[in-house]
Amino acid sequence: MSANDAIGNREREILTAIVETFISTGEPVGSRMLSRGSREGLSPATIRNVMADLADAGYLEQPHTSAGRVPSASAYRYYVEQLSGKTELSKDDEGIIKE
């Protein structure tokens, strides 16, 4: 996943949870913390894999090796765009909606 790729539902849910948790606590967010509150019942390992993909795409940063992750400026931008409805649909999604 690159920063320009569309984020899937699972990635969006986890990124949203990370941003909201970080905003409320001010602390780096770990996979175990997210798995406890996961509505989908995701394991910490699954969440870590998604977090690694989000970090590779530039949405998360890790202050140090043993820390959880914190949202990057790109993550905040994505979060706000989701709230405001100013996201752009992919051509595939536009085609599905038009059909």
PDB file of N, CA and C in Angstrom:
ATOM      1  N   MET A   1       0.855  -1.180   0.000  1.00  0.00           N
ATOM      2  CA  MET A   1       0.000   0.000   0.000  1.00  0.00           C
ATOM      3  C   MET A   1       0.891   1.230   0.000  1.00  0.00           C
ATOM      4  N   SER A   2       0.663   2.110  -0.954  1.00  0.00           N
ATOM      5  CA  SER A   2       1.391   3.374  -0.968  1.00  0.00           C
ATOM      6  C   SER A   2       0.457   4.467  -0.478  1.00  0.00           C
ATOM      7  N   ALA A   3       1.014   5.635  -0.231  1.00  0.00           N
ATOM      8  CA  ALA A   3       0.203   6.735   0.303  1.00  0.00           C
ATOM      9  C   ALA A   3      -0.924   7.123  -0.637  1.00  0.00           C
ATOM     10  N   ASN A   4      -0.780   6.837  -1.926  1.00  0.00           N
ATOM     11  CA  ASN A   4      -1.806   7.212  -2.888  1.00  0.00           C
ATOM     12  C   ASN A   4      -2.865   6.135  -3.071  1.00  0.00           C
ATOM     13  N   ASP A   5      -2.628   4.930  -2.578  1.00  0.00           N
ATOM     14  CA  ASP A   5      -3.599   3.851  -2.713  1.00  0.00           C
ATOM     15  C   ASP A   5      -4.816   4.131  -1.846  1.00  0.00           C
ATOM     16  N   ALA A   6      -5.954   3.600  -2.303  1.00  0.00           N
ATOM     17  CA  ALA A   6      -7.163   3.710  -1.499  1.00  0.00           C
ATOM     18  C   ALA A   6      -7.008   2.812  -0.280  1.00  0.00           C
ATOM     19  N   ILE A   7      -7.530   3.252   0.812  1.00  0.00           N
ATOM     20  CA  ILE A   7      -7.471   2.476   2.044  1.00  0.00           C
ATOM     21  C   ILE A   7      -8.728   1.620   2.105  1.00  0.00           C
ATOM     22  N   GLY A   8      -8.553   0.331   2.420  1.00  0.00           N
ATOM     23  CA  GLY A   8      -9.688  -0.574   2.546  1.00  0.00           C
ATOM     24  C   GLY A   8     -10.458  -0.332   3.831  1.00  0.00           C
ATOM     25  N   ASN A   9     -11.567  -1.033   3.959  1.00  0.00           N
ATOM     26  CA  ASN A   9     -12.420  -0.855   5.138  1.00  0.00           C
ATOM     27  C   ASN A   9     -11.692  -1.165   6.440  1.00  0.00           C
ATOM     28  N   ARG A  10     -10.972  -2.291   6.461  1.00  0.00           N
ATOM     29  CA  ARG A  10     -10.270  -2.673   7.687  1.00  0.00           C
ATOM     30  C   ARG A  10      -9.217  -1.635   8.049  1.00  0.00           C
ATOM     31  N   GLU A  11      -8.454  -1.191   7.052  1.00  0.00           N
ATOM     32  CA  GLU A  11      -7.421  -0.187   7.293  1.00  0.00           C
ATOM     33  C   GLU A  11      -8.032   1.119   7.773  1.00  0.00           C
ATOM     34  N   ARG A  12      -9.156   1.507   7.154  1.00  0.00           N
ATOM     35  CA  ARG A  12      -9.829   2.750   7.549  1.00  0.00           C
ATOM     36  C   ARG A  12     -10.317   2.662   8.990  1.00  0.00           C
ATOM     37  N   GLU A  13     -10.915   1.517   9.360  1.00  0.00           N
ATOM     38  CA  GLU A  13     -11.400   1.337  10.734  1.00  0.00           C
ATOM     39  C   GLU A  13     -10.256   1.430  11.742  1.00  0.00           C
ATOM     40  N   ILE A  14      -9.148   0.770  11.432  1.00  0.00           N
ATOM     41  CA  ILE A  14      -8.014   0.772  12.352  1.00  0.00           C
ATOM     42  C   ILE A  14      -7.371   2.148  12.413  1.00  0.00           C
ATOM     43  N   LEU A  15      -7.210   2.810  11.274  1.00  0.00           N
ATOM     44  CA  LEU A  15      -6.627   4.153  11.271  1.00  0.00           C
ATOM     45  C   LEU A  15      -7.511   5.125  12.048  1.00  0.00           C
ATOM     46  N   THR A  16      -8.811   5.032  11.849  1.00  0.00           N
ATOM     47  CA  THR A  16      -9.737   5.890  12.591  1.00  0.00           C
ATOM     48  C   THR A  16      -9.623   5.634  14.091  1.00  0.00           C
ATOM     49  N   ALA A  17      -9.561   4.365  14.479  1.00  0.00           N
ATOM     50  CA  ALA A  17      -9.430   4.032  15.904  1.00  0.00           C
ATOM     51  C   ALA A  17      -8.121   4.566  16.479  1.00  0.00           C
ATOM     52  N   ILE A  18      -7.049   4.481  15.699  1.00  0.00           N
ATOM     53  CA  ILE A  18      -5.756   4.985  16.170  1.00  0.00           C
ATOM     54  C   ILE A  18      -5.808   6.494  16.353  1.00  0.00           C
ATOM     55  N   VAL A  19      -6.338   7.210  15.369  1.00  0.00           N
ATOM     56  CA  VAL A  19      -6.415   8.678  15.462  1.00  0.00           C
ATOM     57  C   VAL A  19      -7.262   9.079  16.655  1.00  0.00           C
ATOM     58  N   GLU A  20      -8.437   8.478  16.810  1.00  0.00           N
ATOM     59  CA  GLU A  20      -9.328   8.854  17.905  1.00  0.00           C
ATOM     60  C   GLU A  20      -8.738   8.492  19.271  1.00  0.00           C
ATOM     61  N   THR A  21      -8.083   7.339  19.355  1.00  0.00           N
ATOM     62  CA  THR A  21      -7.460   6.939  20.615  1.00  0.00           C
ATOM     63  C   THR A  21      -6.301   7.866  20.958  1.00  0.00           C
ATOM     64  N   PHE A  22      -5.485   8.188  19.952  1.00  0.00           N
ATOM     65  CA  PHE A  22      -4.354   9.081  20.204  1.00  0.00           C
ATOM     66  C   PHE A  22      -4.831  10.468  20.610  1.00  0.00           C
ATOM     67  N   ILE A  23      -5.878  10.967  19.986  1.00  0.00           N
ATOM     68  CA  ILE A  23      -6.423  12.274  20.344  1.00  0.00           C
ATOM     69  C   ILE A  23      -6.907  12.265  21.795  1.00  0.00           C
ATOM     70  N   SER A  24      -7.560  11.178  22.214  1.00  0.00           N
ATOM     71  CA  SER A  24      -8.118  11.152  23.569  1.00  0.00           C
ATOM     72  C   SER A  24      -7.072  10.868  24.648  1.00  0.00           C
ATOM     73  N   THR A  25      -6.015  10.120  24.314  1.00  0.00           N
ATOM     74  CA  THR A  25      -5.040   9.756  25.345  1.00  0.00           C
ATOM     75  C   THR A  25      -3.724  10.521  25.248  1.00  0.00           C
ATOM     76  N   GLY A  26      -3.343  10.920  24.053  1.00  0.00           N
ATOM     77  CA  GLY A  26      -2.055  11.571  23.864  1.00  0.00           C
ATOM     78  C   GLY A  26      -0.877  10.613  23.925  1.00  0.00           C
ATOM     79  N   GLU A  27      -1.155   9.317  23.971  1.00  0.00           N
ATOM     80  CA  GLU A  27      -0.125   8.284  24.063  1.00  0.00           C
ATOM     81  C   GLU A  27      -0.077   7.465  22.778  1.00  0.00           C
ATOM     82  N   PRO A  28       1.108   6.934  22.406  1.00  0.00           N
ATOM     83  CA  PRO A  28       1.171   6.031  21.252  1.00  0.00           C
ATOM     84  C   PRO A  28       0.194   4.868  21.437  1.00  0.00           C
ATOM     85  N   VAL A  29      -0.406   4.441  20.345  1.00  0.00           N
ATOM     86  CA  VAL A  29      -1.457   3.430  20.384  1.00  0.00           C
ATOM     87  C   VAL A  29      -0.886   2.077  19.959  1.00  0.00           C
ATOM     88  N   GLY A  30      -1.092   1.065  20.801  1.00  0.00           N
ATOM     89  CA  GLY A  30      -0.602  -0.274  20.512  1.00  0.00           C
ATOM     90  C   GLY A  30      -1.697  -1.188  19.990  1.00  0.00           C
ATOM     91  N   SER A  31      -1.269  -2.275  19.376  1.00  0.00           N
ATOM     92  CA  SER A  31      -2.215  -3.227  18.785  1.00  0.00           C
ATOM     93  C   SER A  31      -3.080  -3.906  19.838  1.00  0.00           C
ATOM     94  N   ARG A  32      -2.519  -4.169  20.992  1.00  0.00           N
ATOM     95  CA  ARG A  32      -3.298  -4.827  22.051  1.00  0.00           C
ATOM     96  C   ARG A  32      -4.445  -3.928  22.520  1.00  0.00           C
ATOM     97  N   MET A  33      -4.162  -2.640  22.662  1.00  0.00           N
ATOM     98  CA  MET A  33      -5.191  -1.696  23.081  1.00  0.00           C
ATOM     99  C   MET A  33      -6.333  -1.676  22.061  1.00  0.00           C
ATOM    100  N   LEU A  34      -5.979  -1.668  20.776  1.00  0.00           N
ATOM    101  CA  LEU A  34      -7.000  -1.642  19.739  1.00  0.00           C
ATOM    102  C   LEU A  34      -7.789  -2.940  19.671  1.00  0.00           C
ATOM    103  N   SER A  35      -7.120  -4.061  19.885  1.00  0.00           N
ATOM    104  CA  SER A  35      -7.828  -5.348  19.785  1.00  0.00           C
ATOM    105  C   SER A  35      -8.869  -5.487  20.889  1.00  0.00           C
ATOM    106  N   ARG A  36      -8.609  -4.909  22.033  1.00  0.00           N
ATOM    107  CA  ARG A  36      -9.588  -4.963  23.133  1.00  0.00           C
ATOM    108  C   ARG A  36     -10.870  -4.227  22.771  1.00  0.00           C
ATOM    109  N   GLY A  37     -10.751  -3.164  21.993  1.00  0.00           N
ATOM    110  CA  GLY A  37     -11.927  -2.384  21.625  1.00  0.00           C
ATOM    111  C   GLY A  37     -12.430  -2.668  20.225  1.00  0.00           C
ATOM    112  N   SER A  38     -11.868  -3.672  19.559  1.00  0.00           N
ATOM    113  CA  SER A  38     -12.241  -3.972  18.184  1.00  0.00           C
ATOM    114  C   SER A  38     -13.630  -4.567  18.091  1.00  0.00           C
ATOM    115  N   ARG A  39     -14.456  -3.948  17.285  1.00  0.00           N
ATOM    116  CA  ARG A  39     -15.799  -4.478  17.069  1.00  0.00           C
ATOM    117  C   ARG A  39     -15.756  -5.741  16.221  1.00  0.00           C
ATOM    118  N   GLU A  40     -14.730  -5.875  15.400  1.00  0.00           N
ATOM    119  CA  GLU A  40     -14.605  -7.032  14.520  1.00  0.00           C
ATOM    120  C   GLU A  40     -13.913  -8.204  15.209  1.00  0.00           C
ATOM    121  N   GLY A  41     -13.455  -8.021  16.441  1.00  0.00           N
ATOM    122  CA  GLY A  41     -12.764  -9.078  17.152  1.00  0.00           C
ATOM    123  C   GLY A  41     -11.407  -9.410  16.545  1.00  0.00           C
ATOM    124  N   LEU A  42     -10.715  -8.405  16.027  1.00  0.00           N
ATOM    125  CA  LEU A  42      -9.415  -8.622  15.399  1.00  0.00           C
ATOM    126  C   LEU A  42      -8.352  -8.916  16.439  1.00  0.00           C
ATOM    127  N   SER A  43      -7.437  -9.801  16.097  1.00  0.00           N
ATOM    128  CA  SER A  43      -6.345 -10.138  17.008  1.00  0.00           C
ATOM    129  C   SER A  43      -5.281  -9.046  16.963  1.00  0.00           C
ATOM    130  N   PRO A  44      -4.464  -8.944  18.028  1.00  0.00           N
ATOM    131  CA  PRO A  44      -3.374  -7.968  18.004  1.00  0.00           C
ATOM    132  C   PRO A  44      -2.421  -8.185  16.818  1.00  0.00           C
ATOM    133  N   ALA A  45      -2.207  -9.448  16.435  1.00  0.00           N
ATOM    134  CA  ALA A  45      -1.309  -9.727  15.307  1.00  0.00           C
ATOM    135  C   ALA A  45      -1.869  -9.176  13.999  1.00  0.00           C
ATOM    136  N   THR A  46      -3.153  -9.341  13.782  1.00  0.00           N
ATOM    137  CA  THR A  46      -3.786  -8.800  12.575  1.00  0.00           C
ATOM    138  C   THR A  46      -3.680  -7.282  12.573  1.00  0.00           C
ATOM    139  N   ILE A  47      -3.940  -6.679  13.708  1.00  0.00           N
ATOM    140  CA  ILE A  47      -3.869  -5.217  13.814  1.00  0.00           C
ATOM    141  C   ILE A  47      -2.442  -4.739  13.587  1.00  0.00           C
ATOM    142  N   ARG A  48      -1.443  -5.461  14.118  1.00  0.00           N
ATOM    143  CA  ARG A  48      -0.039  -5.091  13.893  1.00  0.00           C
ATOM    144  C   ARG A  48       0.302  -5.118  12.404  1.00  0.00           C
ATOM    145  N   ASN A  49      -0.198  -6.122  11.688  1.00  0.00           N
ATOM    146  CA  ASN A  49       0.064  -6.204  10.250  1.00  0.00           C
ATOM    147  C   ASN A  49      -0.538  -5.014   9.511  1.00  0.00           C
ATOM    148  N   VAL A  50      -1.744  -4.661   9.850  1.00  0.00           N
ATOM    149  CA  VAL A  50      -2.388  -3.500   9.218  1.00  0.00           C
ATOM    150  C   VAL A  50      -1.648  -2.221   9.602  1.00  0.00           C
ATOM    151  N   MET A  51      -1.249  -2.125  10.860  1.00  0.00           N
ATOM    152  CA  MET A  51      -0.502  -0.947  11.308  1.00  0.00           C
ATOM    153  C   MET A  51       0.819  -0.821  10.540  1.00  0.00           C
ATOM    154  N   ALA A  52       1.477  -1.942  10.281  1.00  0.00           N
ATOM    155  CA  ALA A  52       2.726  -1.909   9.511  1.00  0.00           C
ATOM    156  C   ALA A  52       2.465  -1.405   8.091  1.00  0.00           C
ATOM    157  N   ASP A  53       1.367  -1.857   7.482  1.00  0.00           N
ATOM    158  CA  ASP A  53       1.012  -1.376   6.146  1.00  0.00           C
ATOM    159  C   ASP A  53       0.713   0.121   6.161  1.00  0.00           C
ATOM    160  N   LEU A  54       0.003   0.575   7.177  1.00  0.00           N
ATOM    161  CA  LEU A  54      -0.318   2.002   7.294  1.00  0.00           C
ATOM    162  C   LEU A  54       0.943   2.830   7.531  1.00  0.00           C
ATOM    163  N   ALA A  55       1.883   2.276   8.281  1.00  0.00           N
ATOM    164  CA  ALA A  55       3.157   2.976   8.508  1.00  0.00           C
ATOM    165  C   ALA A  55       3.943   3.062   7.200  1.00  0.00           C
ATOM    166  N   ASP A  56       3.973   1.978   6.436  1.00  0.00           N
ATOM    167  CA  ASP A  56       4.657   1.982   5.142  1.00  0.00           C
ATOM    168  C   ASP A  56       4.046   3.005   4.180  1.00  0.00           C
ATOM    169  N   ALA A  57       2.725   3.196   4.300  1.00  0.00           N
ATOM    170  CA  ALA A  57       2.031   4.146   3.438  1.00  0.00           C
ATOM    171  C   ALA A  57       2.158   5.588   3.932  1.00  0.00           C
ATOM    172  N   GLY A  58       2.775   5.788   5.098  1.00  0.00           N
ATOM    173  CA  GLY A  58       2.994   7.134   5.609  1.00  0.00           C
ATOM    174  C   GLY A  58       1.910   7.662   6.523  1.00  0.00           C
ATOM    175  N   TYR A  59       0.982   6.798   6.955  1.00  0.00           N
ATOM    176  CA  TYR A  59      -0.107   7.248   7.818  1.00  0.00           C
ATOM    177  C   TYR A  59       0.217   7.137   9.305  1.00  0.00           C
ATOM    178  N   LEU A  60       1.199   6.316   9.653  1.00  0.00           N
ATOM    179  CA  LEU A  60       1.561   6.139  11.066  1.00  0.00           C
ATOM    180  C   LEU A  60       3.057   6.303  11.251  1.00  0.00           C
ATOM    181  N   GLU A  61       3.416   6.738  12.443  1.00  0.00           N
ATOM    182  CA  GLU A  61       4.820   6.857  12.827  1.00  0.00           C
ATOM    183  C   GLU A  61       5.007   6.109  14.135  1.00  0.00           C
ATOM    184  N   GLN A  62       6.229   5.637  14.362  1.00  0.00           N
ATOM    185  CA  GLN A  62       6.534   4.914  15.597  1.00  0.00           C
ATOM    186  C   GLN A  62       7.651   5.660  16.312  1.00  0.00           C
ATOM    187  N   PRO A  63       7.345   6.278  17.476  1.00  0.00           N
ATOM    188  CA  PRO A  63       8.342   7.088  18.184  1.00  0.00           C
ATOM    189  C   PRO A  63       9.629   6.324  18.510  1.00  0.00           C
ATOM    190  N   HIS A  64       9.499   5.061  18.916  1.00  0.00           N
ATOM    191  CA  HIS A  64      10.659   4.201  19.114  1.00  0.00           C
ATOM    192  C   HIS A  64      10.214   2.751  18.978  1.00  0.00           C
ATOM    193  N   THR A  65      11.147   1.847  18.900  1.00  0.00           N
ATOM    194  CA  THR A  65      10.885   0.457  18.549  1.00  0.00           C
ATOM    195  C   THR A  65       9.806  -0.208  19.382  1.00  0.00           C
ATOM    196  N   SER A  66       9.814  -0.016  20.672  1.00  0.00           N
ATOM    197  CA  SER A  66       8.858  -0.722  21.524  1.00  0.00           C
ATOM    198  C   SER A  66       7.574   0.065  21.766  1.00  0.00           C
ATOM    199  N   ALA A  67       7.442   1.210  21.124  1.00  0.00           N
ATOM    200  CA  ALA A  67       6.248   2.044  21.331  1.00  0.00           C
ATOM    201  C   ALA A  67       5.133   1.644  20.378  1.00  0.00           C
ATOM    202  N   GLY A  68       3.938   2.097  20.705  1.00  0.00           N
ATOM    203  CA  GLY A  68       2.829   1.972  19.778  1.00  0.00           C
ATOM    204  C   GLY A  68       3.033   2.954  18.638  1.00  0.00           C
ATOM    205  N   ARG A  69       1.997   3.185  17.881  1.00  0.00           N
ATOM    206  CA  ARG A  69       2.093   4.073  16.727  1.00  0.00           C
ATOM    207  C   ARG A  69       1.320   5.361  16.992  1.00  0.00           C
ATOM    208  N   VAL A  70       1.746   6.419  16.311  1.00  0.00           N
ATOM    209  CA  VAL A  70       1.055   7.703  16.387  1.00  0.00           C
ATOM    210  C   VAL A  70       0.688   8.129  14.968  1.00  0.00           C
ATOM    211  N   PRO A  71      -0.414   8.845  14.813  1.00  0.00           N
ATOM    212  CA  PRO A  71      -0.823   9.280  13.482  1.00  0.00           C
ATOM    213  C   PRO A  71       0.137  10.330  12.915  1.00  0.00           C
ATOM    214  N   SER A  72       0.355  10.273  11.618  1.00  0.00           N
ATOM    215  CA  SER A  72       1.153  11.286  10.932  1.00  0.00           C
ATOM    216  C   SER A  72       0.211  12.391  10.458  1.00  0.00           C
ATOM    217  N   ALA A  73       0.777  13.426   9.887  1.00  0.00           N
ATOM    218  CA  ALA A  73      -0.042  14.508   9.328  1.00  0.00           C
ATOM    219  C   ALA A  73      -0.968  13.965   8.241  1.00  0.00           C
ATOM    220  N   SER A  74      -0.486  13.001   7.464  1.00  0.00           N
ATOM    221  CA  SER A  74      -1.322  12.385   6.422  1.00  0.00           C
ATOM    222  C   SER A  74      -2.523  11.663   7.027  1.00  0.00           C
ATOM    223  N   ALA A  75      -2.317  11.027   8.173  1.00  0.00           N
ATOM    224  CA  ALA A  75      -3.418  10.337   8.848  1.00  0.00           C
ATOM    225  C   ALA A  75      -4.481  11.321   9.309  1.00  0.00           C
ATOM    226  N   TYR A  76      -4.049  12.428   9.878  1.00  0.00           N
ATOM    227  CA  TYR A  76      -5.016  13.446  10.307  1.00  0.00           C
ATOM    228  C   TYR A  76      -5.774  14.013   9.113  1.00  0.00           C
ATOM    229  N   ARG A  77      -5.067  14.253   8.028  1.00  0.00           N
ATOM    230  CA  ARG A  77      -5.706  14.777   6.818  1.00  0.00           C
ATOM    231  C   ARG A  77      -6.760  13.784   6.320  1.00  0.00           C
ATOM    232  N   TYR A  78      -6.386  12.509   6.265  1.00  0.00           N
ATOM    233  CA  TYR A  78      -7.321  11.470   5.824  1.00  0.00           C
ATOM    234  C   TYR A  78      -8.528  11.405   6.762  1.00  0.00           C
ATOM    235  N   TYR A  79      -8.294  11.467   8.058  1.00  0.00           N
ATOM    236  CA  TYR A  79      -9.362  11.409   9.055  1.00  0.00           C
ATOM    237  C   TYR A  79     -10.343  12.562   8.865  1.00  0.00           C
ATOM    238  N   VAL A  80      -9.824  13.753   8.694  1.00  0.00           N
ATOM    239  CA  VAL A  80     -10.686  14.925   8.517  1.00  0.00           C
ATOM    240  C   VAL A  80     -11.463  14.833   7.206  1.00  0.00           C
ATOM    241  N   GLU A  81     -10.809  14.358   6.155  1.00  0.00           N
ATOM    242  CA  GLU A  81     -11.503  14.200   4.874  1.00  0.00           C
ATOM    243  C   GLU A  81     -12.645  13.190   5.000  1.00  0.00           C
ATOM    244  N   GLN A  82     -12.435  12.125   5.773  1.00  0.00           N
ATOM    245  CA  GLN A  82     -13.493  11.141   5.997  1.00  0.00           C
ATOM    246  C   GLN A  82     -14.680  11.784   6.720  1.00  0.00           C
ATOM    247  N   LEU A  83     -14.385  12.622   7.706  1.00  0.00           N
ATOM    248  CA  LEU A  83     -15.452  13.282   8.458  1.00  0.00           C
ATOM    249  C   LEU A  83     -16.204  14.292   7.602  1.00  0.00           C
ATOM    250  N   SER A  84     -15.464  15.004   6.765  1.00  0.00           N
ATOM    251  CA  SER A  84     -16.086  16.060   5.974  1.00  0.00           C
ATOM    252  C   SER A  84     -16.715  15.552   4.689  1.00  0.00           C
ATOM    253  N   GLY A  85     -16.419  14.327   4.316  1.00  0.00           N
ATOM    254  CA  GLY A  85     -16.986  13.773   3.093  1.00  0.00           C
ATOM    255  C   GLY A  85     -16.298  14.250   1.835  1.00  0.00           C
ATOM    256  N   LYS A  86     -15.090  14.779   1.954  1.00  0.00           N
ATOM    257  CA  LYS A  86     -14.393  15.314   0.787  1.00  0.00           C
ATOM    258  C   LYS A  86     -13.409  14.319   0.184  1.00  0.00           C
ATOM    259  N   THR A  87     -13.658  13.038   0.369  1.00  0.00           N
ATOM    260  CA  THR A  87     -12.770  12.050  -0.222  1.00  0.00           C
ATOM    261  C   THR A  87     -13.172  11.819  -1.664  1.00  0.00           C
ATOM    262  N   GLU A  88     -12.224  11.360  -2.445  1.00  0.00           N
ATOM    263  CA  GLU A  88     -12.502  11.057  -3.841  1.00  0.00           C
ATOM    264  C   GLU A  88     -12.646   9.559  -4.005  1.00  0.00           C
ATOM    265  N   LEU A  89     -13.631   9.154  -4.788  1.00  0.00           N
ATOM    266  CA  LEU A  89     -13.837   7.749  -5.061  1.00  0.00           C
ATOM    267  C   LEU A  89     -12.894   7.291  -6.163  1.00  0.00           C
ATOM    268  N   SER A  90     -12.517   6.023  -6.106  1.00  0.00           N
ATOM    269  CA  SER A  90     -11.732   5.459  -7.193  1.00  0.00           C
ATOM    270  C   SER A  90     -12.639   5.303  -8.408  1.00  0.00           C
ATOM    271  N   LYS A  91     -12.059   5.163  -9.578  1.00  0.00           N
ATOM    272  CA  LYS A  91     -12.844   4.979 -10.811  1.00  0.00           C
ATOM    273  C   LYS A  91     -13.695   3.713 -10.717  1.00  0.00           C
ATOM    274  N   ASP A  92     -13.152   2.661 -10.116  1.00  0.00           N
ATOM    275  CA  ASP A  92     -13.920   1.405  -9.944  1.00  0.00           C
ATOM    276  C   ASP A  92     -15.156   1.648  -9.090  1.00  0.00           C
ATOM    277  N   ASP A  93     -14.968   2.354  -7.959  1.00  0.00           N
ATOM    278  CA  ASP A  93     -16.100   2.631  -7.080  1.00  0.00           C
ATOM    279  C   ASP A  93     -17.133   3.515  -7.754  1.00  0.00           C
ATOM    280  N   GLU A  94     -16.687   4.497  -8.534  1.00  0.00           N
ATOM    281  CA  GLU A  94     -17.618   5.347  -9.268  1.00  0.00           C
ATOM    282  C   GLU A  94     -18.443   4.515 -10.240  1.00  0.00           C
ATOM    283  N   GLY A  95     -17.791   3.573 -10.927  1.00  0.00           N
ATOM    284  CA  GLY A  95     -18.498   2.709 -11.867  1.00  0.00           C
ATOM    285  C   GLY A  95     -19.536   1.850 -11.187  1.00  0.00           C
ATOM    286  N   ILE A  96     -19.199   1.316 -10.013  1.00  0.00           N
ATOM    287  CA  ILE A  96     -20.132   0.480  -9.259  1.00  0.00           C
ATOM    288  C   ILE A  96     -21.354   1.302  -8.849  1.00  0.00           C
ATOM    289  N   ILE A  97     -21.124   2.516  -8.401  1.00  0.00           N
ATOM    290  CA  ILE A  97     -22.236   3.370  -7.967  1.00  0.00           C
ATOM    291  C   ILE A  97     -23.140   3.743  -9.147  1.00  0.00           C
ATOM    292  N   LYS A  98     -22.518   4.057 -10.284  1.00  0.00           N
ATOM    293  CA  LYS A  98     -23.294   4.441 -11.452  1.00  0.00           C
ATOM    294  C   LYS A  98     -24.158   3.290 -11.969  1.00  0.00           C
ATOM    295  N   GLU A  99     -23.637   2.051 -11.846  1.00  0.00           N
ATOM    296  CA  GLU A  99     -24.407   0.882 -12.285  1.00  0.00           C
ATOM    297  C   GLU A  99     -25.594   0.681 -11.381  1.00  0.00           C
TER     298      GLU A  99
END
